[in-house]
Structures are given as structure tokens and as C-alpha cells.
């Protein structure tokens, strides 16, 4: 039953954002997935591969901590029951969103696609509005003073240079 909860949350959220929408964009745009034709394009695609790797690493590490330490899923309807402030959460409050942004940037760079870059920017903008207006007040209500202290010590988007002790 636990794995079904995680699978549904994954299918509903990051899978839609990182797979369904990008595939839809690719089908609507005249593009091809092929190695770049110049050194500049190949360099951009290499940066895309690096961004994709960073994004997947952040996302998987964040999800692991949500499941193991938070005892919940990434879905707003089934959130962690315990405040998670370890792993990548020691550097930035929203590493899972950061991971998805890196994945979307990687896709845009790998595909040399402006529509994919625009989708990444839209996703980022939505989260920069949603997180402080909706998610953070809910977290303050659920976790109280420990979350308020964490919020003061760890930035929302820009990671700390050194991890939270």
C-alpha cells in the first residue's frame, strides 16, 4: 500500500512535469533529438546532461529523505509527517523543486529547445509564487516553531554554502 501511495504521487507530479509536458512540447515543436551540429551546440548539450544529472541526484536524494525520515510522499495530499531537515534539506528548503528545475533545464539544453526552456521558467515561476503563499504557511502550521527556525536558517531557493549543522 505504501508503494502505491508513492507511485501515485510520482505519476501525478514529477512524472507529469518532467515527462508528459516535455513530450507534448516536443511533439508540438519542430525539433529533433540529435547531437549538436557545432561545438557550441555540443557544449550546450553537455551542460544539459550535467544539469539532468544534478537534477536527478537532488530529486532522488530529496525523495529518499521524504520517504525514510519524513514518512510521507512528495504529494501535497500525503505530506511527510516529520519535518525533514537532513540531506539536501541542510542546504536549501526546496531541493526537490530545485531538482525538477535542473531536470527541465537539462531537457531544454539537451534538446536545444526554447519551448522546453520556457516550460522550465514557467514551472519555476509557479513554484516561486506557490511555495511562500501556500506551502510555507501549511508547513508552519503543521510543524510550528521548528519549521520557523529552519526557515530562518536555510534559504528557500539559493542553497547555503555550508550545510545546516
N, C-alpha and C. Protein backbone atom coordinates (compact mmCIF):
# COMPACT_ATOMS: atom_id res chain seq x y z
N UNK A 1 0.82 -1.21 0.00
CA UNK A 1 0.00 0.00 0.00
C UNK A 1 0.85 1.26 0.00
N UNK A 2 1.97 1.25 0.76
CA UNK A 2 2.85 2.42 0.82
C UNK A 2 3.41 2.73 -0.57
N UNK A 3 3.82 1.69 -1.30
CA UNK A 3 4.40 1.92 -2.62
C UNK A 3 3.37 2.46 -3.61
N UNK A 4 2.12 2.09 -3.43
CA UNK A 4 1.07 2.63 -4.30
C UNK A 4 0.92 4.13 -4.07
N UNK A 5 0.96 4.55 -2.79
CA UNK A 5 0.90 5.99 -2.47
C UNK A 5 2.04 6.74 -3.16
N UNK A 6 3.25 6.18 -3.09
CA UNK A 6 4.40 6.85 -3.69
C UNK A 6 4.31 6.86 -5.21
N UNK A 7 3.86 5.77 -5.77
CA UNK A 7 3.72 5.68 -7.22
C UNK A 7 2.69 6.68 -7.74
N UNK A 8 1.56 6.80 -7.06
CA UNK A 8 0.53 7.76 -7.47
C UNK A 8 1.04 9.19 -7.35
N UNK A 9 1.74 9.49 -6.27
CA UNK A 9 2.29 10.84 -6.09
C UNK A 9 3.31 11.14 -7.18
N UNK A 10 4.16 10.16 -7.49
CA UNK A 10 5.18 10.36 -8.52
C UNK A 10 4.54 10.55 -9.89
N UNK A 11 3.54 9.74 -10.21
CA UNK A 11 2.87 9.83 -11.51
C UNK A 11 2.13 11.15 -11.66
N UNK A 12 1.54 11.61 -10.57
CA UNK A 12 0.75 12.83 -10.64
C UNK A 12 1.60 14.09 -10.74
N UNK A 13 2.77 14.08 -10.14
CA UNK A 13 3.52 15.33 -10.06
C UNK A 13 4.80 15.34 -10.91
N UNK A 14 5.92 14.82 -10.44
CA UNK A 14 7.14 14.99 -11.23
C UNK A 14 7.10 14.29 -12.58
N UNK A 15 6.42 13.18 -12.70
CA UNK A 15 6.34 12.50 -13.99
C UNK A 15 5.63 13.39 -15.01
N UNK A 16 4.54 14.02 -14.59
CA UNK A 16 3.81 14.91 -15.48
C UNK A 16 4.68 16.10 -15.88
N UNK A 17 5.35 16.70 -14.89
CA UNK A 17 6.15 17.90 -15.14
C UNK A 17 7.38 17.61 -15.99
N UNK A 18 8.06 16.48 -15.73
CA UNK A 18 9.34 16.22 -16.41
C UNK A 18 9.24 15.31 -17.62
N UNK A 19 8.12 14.60 -17.78
CA UNK A 19 7.99 13.68 -18.91
C UNK A 19 6.80 14.05 -19.80
N UNK A 20 5.60 14.07 -19.23
CA UNK A 20 4.40 14.28 -20.04
C UNK A 20 4.43 15.63 -20.75
N UNK A 21 4.63 16.71 -20.01
CA UNK A 21 4.65 18.04 -20.64
C UNK A 21 5.81 18.17 -21.64
N UNK A 22 7.04 17.77 -21.29
CA UNK A 22 8.12 17.87 -22.28
C UNK A 22 7.88 17.05 -23.55
N UNK A 23 7.29 15.86 -23.43
CA UNK A 23 6.98 15.07 -24.63
C UNK A 23 5.93 15.79 -25.46
N UNK A 24 4.93 16.33 -24.81
CA UNK A 24 3.89 17.10 -25.51
C UNK A 24 4.52 18.29 -26.24
N UNK A 25 5.43 19.00 -25.57
CA UNK A 25 6.11 20.14 -26.20
C UNK A 25 6.94 19.68 -27.40
N UNK A 26 7.63 18.57 -27.25
CA UNK A 26 8.47 18.06 -28.34
C UNK A 26 7.63 17.70 -29.56
N UNK A 27 6.47 17.15 -29.32
CA UNK A 27 5.60 16.77 -30.45
C UNK A 27 4.99 17.98 -31.14
N UNK A 28 4.83 19.07 -30.41
CA UNK A 28 4.25 20.30 -30.97
C UNK A 28 5.28 21.18 -31.66
N UNK A 29 6.54 20.95 -31.39
CA UNK A 29 7.61 21.81 -31.91
C UNK A 29 8.41 21.07 -32.97
N UNK A 30 8.86 21.81 -33.97
CA UNK A 30 9.73 21.16 -34.97
C UNK A 30 11.13 20.98 -34.40
N UNK A 31 11.37 19.84 -33.79
CA UNK A 31 12.69 19.58 -33.21
C UNK A 31 13.07 18.13 -33.44
N UNK A 32 14.33 17.89 -33.26
CA UNK A 32 14.82 16.53 -33.38
C UNK A 32 15.81 16.31 -32.26
N UNK A 33 15.83 15.10 -31.75
CA UNK A 33 16.80 14.78 -30.71
C UNK A 33 18.01 14.18 -31.40
N UNK A 34 19.05 14.97 -31.51
CA UNK A 34 20.26 14.54 -32.20
C UNK A 34 21.44 15.32 -31.62
N UNK A 35 22.64 14.79 -31.79
CA UNK A 35 23.82 15.54 -31.35
C UNK A 35 23.89 16.88 -32.08
N UNK A 36 24.38 17.89 -31.37
CA UNK A 36 24.53 19.22 -31.96
C UNK A 36 25.41 19.19 -33.20
N UNK A 37 25.20 20.19 -34.02
CA UNK A 37 25.94 20.26 -35.28
C UNK A 37 27.19 21.13 -35.19
N UNK A 38 27.40 21.77 -34.04
CA UNK A 38 28.58 22.61 -33.87
C UNK A 38 29.15 22.38 -32.47
N UNK A 39 30.34 22.91 -32.25
CA UNK A 39 30.97 22.78 -30.94
C UNK A 39 30.12 23.48 -29.87
N UNK A 40 29.52 24.60 -30.23
CA UNK A 40 28.67 25.33 -29.28
C UNK A 40 27.46 24.48 -28.89
N UNK A 41 26.79 23.90 -29.87
CA UNK A 41 25.62 23.07 -29.59
C UNK A 41 26.00 21.84 -28.77
N UNK A 42 27.12 21.22 -29.07
CA UNK A 42 27.57 20.07 -28.30
C UNK A 42 27.90 20.45 -26.86
N UNK A 43 28.48 21.63 -26.68
CA UNK A 43 28.79 22.13 -25.33
C UNK A 43 27.50 22.38 -24.56
N UNK A 44 26.51 22.97 -25.21
CA UNK A 44 25.21 23.21 -24.58
C UNK A 44 24.58 21.87 -24.17
N UNK A 45 24.66 20.89 -25.05
CA UNK A 45 24.09 19.58 -24.74
C UNK A 45 24.84 18.89 -23.60
N UNK A 46 26.15 19.07 -23.53
CA UNK A 46 26.93 18.52 -22.42
C UNK A 46 26.50 19.18 -21.10
N UNK A 47 26.28 20.50 -21.13
CA UNK A 47 25.78 21.20 -19.94
C UNK A 47 24.40 20.66 -19.57
N UNK A 48 23.59 20.34 -20.57
CA UNK A 48 22.28 19.77 -20.32
C UNK A 48 22.36 18.42 -19.64
N UNK A 49 23.30 17.61 -20.05
CA UNK A 49 23.49 16.30 -19.43
C UNK A 49 23.93 16.46 -17.97
N UNK A 50 24.80 17.43 -17.72
CA UNK A 50 25.23 17.71 -16.35
C UNK A 50 24.05 18.19 -15.51
N UNK A 51 23.24 19.10 -16.05
CA UNK A 51 22.07 19.61 -15.32
C UNK A 51 21.09 18.49 -15.02
N UNK A 52 20.89 17.61 -15.99
CA UNK A 52 19.99 16.47 -15.80
C UNK A 52 20.51 15.56 -14.67
N UNK A 53 21.80 15.34 -14.63
CA UNK A 53 22.41 14.50 -13.59
C UNK A 53 22.25 15.14 -12.22
N UNK A 54 22.53 16.44 -12.13
CA UNK A 54 22.37 17.15 -10.86
C UNK A 54 20.91 17.10 -10.42
N UNK A 55 20.00 17.34 -11.35
CA UNK A 55 18.58 17.33 -11.03
C UNK A 55 18.09 15.99 -10.53
N UNK A 56 18.48 14.93 -11.21
CA UNK A 56 18.07 13.58 -10.79
C UNK A 56 18.64 13.24 -9.41
N UNK A 57 19.90 13.63 -9.18
CA UNK A 57 20.53 13.36 -7.89
C UNK A 57 19.80 14.08 -6.76
N UNK A 58 19.51 15.36 -6.97
CA UNK A 58 18.78 16.14 -5.96
C UNK A 58 17.39 15.57 -5.72
N UNK A 59 16.70 15.26 -6.80
CA UNK A 59 15.34 14.76 -6.68
C UNK A 59 15.30 13.42 -5.93
N UNK A 60 16.15 12.50 -6.33
CA UNK A 60 16.16 11.17 -5.70
C UNK A 60 16.57 11.27 -4.23
N UNK A 61 17.58 12.07 -3.94
CA UNK A 61 18.01 12.22 -2.54
C UNK A 61 16.90 12.85 -1.70
N UNK A 62 16.23 13.85 -2.25
CA UNK A 62 15.14 14.51 -1.52
C UNK A 62 13.99 13.55 -1.29
N UNK A 63 13.62 12.82 -2.32
CA UNK A 63 12.53 11.86 -2.21
C UNK A 63 12.86 10.77 -1.18
N UNK A 64 14.10 10.31 -1.19
CA UNK A 64 14.53 9.30 -0.22
C UNK A 64 14.31 9.81 1.21
N UNK A 65 14.71 11.04 1.48
CA UNK A 65 14.56 11.59 2.83
C UNK A 65 13.09 11.80 3.18
N UNK A 66 12.27 12.19 2.20
CA UNK A 66 10.83 12.33 2.44
C UNK A 66 10.24 11.00 2.87
N UNK A 67 10.62 9.94 2.18
CA UNK A 67 10.05 8.62 2.46
C UNK A 67 10.58 8.05 3.77
N UNK A 68 11.91 8.03 3.92
CA UNK A 68 12.54 7.37 5.08
C UNK A 68 12.40 8.19 6.36
N UNK A 69 12.71 9.47 6.30
CA UNK A 69 12.73 10.28 7.52
C UNK A 69 11.43 11.05 7.73
N UNK A 70 10.78 11.45 6.65
CA UNK A 70 9.54 12.20 6.78
C UNK A 70 8.31 11.33 6.87
N UNK A 71 8.45 10.05 6.46
CA UNK A 71 7.34 9.10 6.47
C UNK A 71 6.12 9.62 5.71
N UNK A 72 6.36 10.16 4.52
CA UNK A 72 5.28 10.65 3.68
C UNK A 72 5.70 10.59 2.23
N UNK A 73 4.93 11.24 1.38
CA UNK A 73 5.25 11.27 -0.05
C UNK A 73 5.48 12.72 -0.46
N UNK A 74 5.81 12.90 -1.73
CA UNK A 74 6.02 14.25 -2.25
C UNK A 74 4.71 14.94 -2.58
N UNK A 75 3.61 14.25 -2.51
CA UNK A 75 2.31 14.81 -2.85
C UNK A 75 1.76 15.69 -1.73
N UNK A 76 1.20 16.85 -2.09
CA UNK A 76 0.61 17.72 -1.05
C UNK A 76 -0.51 17.03 -0.27
N UNK A 77 -1.19 16.06 -0.88
CA UNK A 77 -2.28 15.38 -0.19
C UNK A 77 -1.79 14.26 0.74
N UNK A 78 -0.49 13.95 0.71
CA UNK A 78 0.09 12.91 1.57
C UNK A 78 1.50 13.34 1.98
N UNK A 79 1.59 14.48 2.71
CA UNK A 79 2.92 15.04 3.01
C UNK A 79 3.66 14.28 4.09
N UNK A 80 4.95 14.56 4.24
CA UNK A 80 5.73 13.95 5.32
C UNK A 80 5.11 14.28 6.68
N UNK A 81 5.20 13.32 7.58
CA UNK A 81 4.65 13.50 8.92
C UNK A 81 5.68 14.10 9.88
N UNK A 82 6.94 14.05 9.47
CA UNK A 82 8.04 14.58 10.28
C UNK A 82 8.78 15.62 9.44
N UNK A 83 9.19 16.71 10.07
CA UNK A 83 9.95 17.75 9.38
C UNK A 83 11.30 17.18 8.95
N UNK A 84 11.62 17.31 7.67
CA UNK A 84 12.87 16.77 7.12
C UNK A 84 13.86 17.93 6.96
N UNK A 85 14.97 17.86 7.69
CA UNK A 85 15.98 18.92 7.64
C UNK A 85 17.38 18.31 7.50
N UNK A 86 17.47 17.13 6.89
CA UNK A 86 18.76 16.47 6.69
C UNK A 86 18.99 16.28 5.20
N UNK A 87 20.18 15.76 4.86
CA UNK A 87 20.50 15.54 3.45
C UNK A 87 20.52 16.87 2.70
N UNK A 88 19.95 16.91 1.50
CA UNK A 88 19.97 18.16 0.72
C UNK A 88 19.17 19.28 1.40
N UNK A 89 18.28 18.93 2.33
CA UNK A 89 17.49 19.93 3.05
C UNK A 89 18.35 20.74 4.01
N UNK A 90 19.59 20.32 4.23
CA UNK A 90 20.53 21.10 5.04
C UNK A 90 21.08 22.29 4.27
N UNK A 91 20.91 22.28 2.95
CA UNK A 91 21.44 23.35 2.10
C UNK A 91 20.37 24.29 1.57
N UNK A 92 19.19 23.75 1.28
CA UNK A 92 18.13 24.54 0.66
C UNK A 92 16.78 23.92 1.07
N UNK A 93 15.76 24.78 1.27
CA UNK A 93 14.48 24.27 1.77
C UNK A 93 13.69 23.48 0.74
N UNK A 94 13.95 23.67 -0.53
CA UNK A 94 13.16 23.01 -1.57
C UNK A 94 14.04 22.28 -2.58
N UNK A 95 14.85 21.33 -2.13
CA UNK A 95 15.75 20.66 -3.07
C UNK A 95 15.02 19.82 -4.11
N UNK A 96 13.82 19.35 -3.79
CA UNK A 96 13.09 18.54 -4.77
C UNK A 96 12.67 19.43 -5.95
N UNK A 97 12.17 20.62 -5.66
CA UNK A 97 11.81 21.57 -6.72
C UNK A 97 13.06 21.97 -7.48
N UNK A 98 14.15 22.22 -6.77
CA UNK A 98 15.41 22.56 -7.44
C UNK A 98 15.83 21.43 -8.37
N UNK A 99 15.67 20.19 -7.91
CA UNK A 99 16.00 19.03 -8.75
C UNK A 99 15.16 19.00 -10.02
N UNK A 100 13.87 19.24 -9.89
CA UNK A 100 12.99 19.25 -11.06
C UNK A 100 13.37 20.38 -12.00
N UNK A 101 13.70 21.54 -11.47
CA UNK A 101 14.13 22.67 -12.32
C UNK A 101 15.41 22.30 -13.08
N UNK A 102 16.35 21.66 -12.41
CA UNK A 102 17.58 21.20 -13.10
C UNK A 102 17.24 20.18 -14.18
N UNK A 103 16.31 19.26 -13.89
CA UNK A 103 15.92 18.27 -14.90
C UNK A 103 15.32 18.97 -16.12
N UNK A 104 14.42 19.92 -15.88
CA UNK A 104 13.80 20.64 -17.00
C UNK A 104 14.82 21.45 -17.78
N UNK A 105 15.76 22.07 -17.08
CA UNK A 105 16.82 22.81 -17.77
C UNK A 105 17.67 21.85 -18.60
N UNK A 106 17.98 20.70 -18.02
CA UNK A 106 18.75 19.69 -18.75
C UNK A 106 18.05 19.25 -20.01
N UNK A 107 16.73 19.02 -19.92
CA UNK A 107 15.97 18.63 -21.11
C UNK A 107 16.02 19.72 -22.18
N UNK A 108 15.83 20.97 -21.75
CA UNK A 108 15.86 22.08 -22.70
C UNK A 108 17.22 22.19 -23.39
N UNK A 109 18.28 22.03 -22.63
CA UNK A 109 19.62 22.15 -23.19
C UNK A 109 19.95 20.95 -24.08
N UNK A 110 19.59 19.76 -23.64
CA UNK A 110 19.85 18.57 -24.46
C UNK A 110 19.11 18.63 -25.80
N UNK A 111 17.88 19.13 -25.75
CA UNK A 111 17.07 19.21 -26.97
C UNK A 111 17.31 20.50 -27.76
N UNK A 112 18.10 21.40 -27.18
CA UNK A 112 18.31 22.72 -27.80
C UNK A 112 16.97 23.36 -28.11
N UNK A 113 16.08 23.35 -27.10
CA UNK A 113 14.68 23.71 -27.29
C UNK A 113 14.25 24.93 -26.48
N UNK A 114 13.85 25.99 -27.16
CA UNK A 114 13.31 27.17 -26.49
C UNK A 114 11.98 26.86 -25.78
N UNK A 115 11.06 26.11 -26.41
CA UNK A 115 9.81 25.79 -25.70
C UNK A 115 10.05 25.05 -24.38
N UNK A 116 11.03 24.18 -24.35
CA UNK A 116 11.34 23.47 -23.11
C UNK A 116 11.94 24.41 -22.06
N UNK A 117 12.76 25.36 -22.50
CA UNK A 117 13.31 26.35 -21.58
C UNK A 117 12.19 27.23 -21.02
N UNK A 118 11.25 27.60 -21.87
CA UNK A 118 10.11 28.39 -21.41
C UNK A 118 9.29 27.62 -20.38
N UNK A 119 9.09 26.32 -20.60
CA UNK A 119 8.36 25.49 -19.65
C UNK A 119 9.09 25.46 -18.31
N UNK A 120 10.41 25.34 -18.33
CA UNK A 120 11.19 25.35 -17.09
C UNK A 120 10.98 26.67 -16.35
N UNK A 121 11.00 27.78 -17.07
CA UNK A 121 10.81 29.09 -16.43
C UNK A 121 9.40 29.24 -15.87
N UNK A 122 8.39 28.74 -16.58
CA UNK A 122 7.01 28.77 -16.08
C UNK A 122 6.89 27.94 -14.80
N UNK A 123 7.46 26.73 -14.82
CA UNK A 123 7.42 25.86 -13.64
C UNK A 123 8.11 26.55 -12.46
N UNK A 124 9.25 27.15 -12.69
CA UNK A 124 9.98 27.85 -11.63
C UNK A 124 9.14 29.01 -11.10
N UNK A 125 8.55 29.81 -11.98
CA UNK A 125 7.74 30.95 -11.56
C UNK A 125 6.54 30.50 -10.72
N UNK A 126 5.87 29.44 -11.15
CA UNK A 126 4.73 28.91 -10.40
C UNK A 126 5.17 28.55 -8.98
N UNK A 127 6.30 27.88 -8.86
CA UNK A 127 6.77 27.46 -7.55
C UNK A 127 7.27 28.62 -6.70
N UNK A 128 7.84 29.62 -7.32
CA UNK A 128 8.29 30.79 -6.56
C UNK A 128 7.10 31.57 -5.99
N UNK A 129 5.94 31.40 -6.58
CA UNK A 129 4.71 32.01 -6.05
C UNK A 129 4.03 31.07 -5.06
N UNK A 130 3.87 29.80 -5.45
CA UNK A 130 3.14 28.81 -4.64
C UNK A 130 3.82 28.54 -3.29
N UNK A 131 5.12 28.37 -3.30
CA UNK A 131 5.81 27.96 -2.08
C UNK A 131 5.62 28.97 -0.94
N UNK A 132 5.92 30.27 -1.13
CA UNK A 132 5.74 31.18 0.01
C UNK A 132 4.28 31.47 0.35
N UNK A 133 3.39 31.41 -0.63
CA UNK A 133 1.99 31.75 -0.36
C UNK A 133 1.17 30.58 0.18
N UNK A 134 1.49 29.35 -0.22
CA UNK A 134 0.67 28.21 0.15
C UNK A 134 1.45 27.18 0.99
N UNK A 135 2.57 26.72 0.45
CA UNK A 135 3.27 25.62 1.11
C UNK A 135 3.88 26.01 2.44
N UNK A 136 4.59 27.13 2.50
CA UNK A 136 5.26 27.51 3.74
C UNK A 136 4.28 27.78 4.89
N UNK A 137 3.15 28.48 4.65
CA UNK A 137 2.19 28.62 5.76
C UNK A 137 1.66 27.28 6.26
N UNK A 138 1.44 26.33 5.35
CA UNK A 138 0.98 24.99 5.78
C UNK A 138 2.06 24.29 6.61
N UNK A 139 3.32 24.44 6.21
CA UNK A 139 4.41 23.82 6.97
C UNK A 139 4.56 24.46 8.34
N UNK A 140 4.39 25.78 8.41
CA UNK A 140 4.44 26.46 9.71
C UNK A 140 3.32 25.97 10.62
N UNK A 141 2.15 25.79 10.05
CA UNK A 141 1.02 25.31 10.84
C UNK A 141 1.26 23.87 11.31
N UNK A 142 1.80 23.03 10.42
CA UNK A 142 1.99 21.61 10.76
C UNK A 142 3.15 21.40 11.73
N UNK A 143 4.29 22.11 11.52
CA UNK A 143 5.49 21.82 12.30
C UNK A 143 5.85 22.90 13.31
N UNK A 144 5.19 24.05 13.26
CA UNK A 144 5.37 25.10 14.26
C UNK A 144 6.76 25.71 14.33
N UNK A 145 7.22 25.91 15.55
CA UNK A 145 8.48 26.60 15.81
C UNK A 145 9.69 25.93 15.16
N UNK A 146 9.81 24.61 15.16
CA UNK A 146 10.97 24.01 14.48
C UNK A 146 11.05 24.42 13.00
N UNK A 147 9.92 24.51 12.32
CA UNK A 147 9.95 24.92 10.91
C UNK A 147 10.32 26.41 10.80
N UNK A 148 9.80 27.25 11.69
CA UNK A 148 10.12 28.68 11.64
C UNK A 148 11.63 28.89 11.83
N UNK A 149 12.23 28.15 12.75
CA UNK A 149 13.68 28.25 12.96
C UNK A 149 14.43 27.76 11.73
N UNK A 150 14.01 26.63 11.19
CA UNK A 150 14.62 26.09 9.96
C UNK A 150 14.52 27.10 8.83
N UNK A 151 13.37 27.72 8.69
CA UNK A 151 13.13 28.70 7.63
C UNK A 151 14.07 29.91 7.76
N UNK A 152 14.38 30.29 8.98
CA UNK A 152 15.30 31.40 9.20
C UNK A 152 16.74 31.04 8.85
N UNK A 153 17.07 29.77 8.99
CA UNK A 153 18.46 29.33 8.82
C UNK A 153 18.80 28.82 7.42
N UNK A 154 17.78 28.38 6.66
CA UNK A 154 18.02 27.79 5.34
C UNK A 154 17.18 28.53 4.31
N UNK A 155 17.82 28.95 3.23
CA UNK A 155 17.12 29.71 2.19
C UNK A 155 16.16 28.83 1.39
N UNK A 156 15.18 29.48 0.81
CA UNK A 156 14.15 28.80 0.04
C UNK A 156 14.71 28.23 -1.26
N UNK A 157 15.45 28.99 -2.00
CA UNK A 157 15.87 28.59 -3.35
C UNK A 157 17.39 28.54 -3.50
N UNK A 158 18.08 29.54 -2.99
CA UNK A 158 19.53 29.62 -3.14
C UNK A 158 20.18 28.82 -2.01
N UNK A 159 20.92 27.77 -2.35
CA UNK A 159 21.49 26.91 -1.30
C UNK A 159 22.52 27.63 -0.43
N UNK A 160 22.62 27.17 0.80
CA UNK A 160 23.68 27.61 1.70
C UNK A 160 25.01 27.10 1.16
N UNK A 161 26.09 27.79 1.47
CA UNK A 161 27.40 27.31 1.07
C UNK A 161 27.80 26.12 1.95
N UNK A 162 27.54 26.25 3.23
CA UNK A 162 27.82 25.17 4.17
C UNK A 162 26.49 24.59 4.65
N UNK A 163 26.45 23.30 4.89
CA UNK A 163 25.19 22.71 5.34
C UNK A 163 24.78 23.17 6.73
N UNK A 164 23.50 23.13 6.97
CA UNK A 164 22.97 23.39 8.31
C UNK A 164 23.58 22.36 9.26
N UNK A 165 24.12 22.81 10.39
CA UNK A 165 24.73 21.84 11.33
C UNK A 165 23.70 20.90 11.92
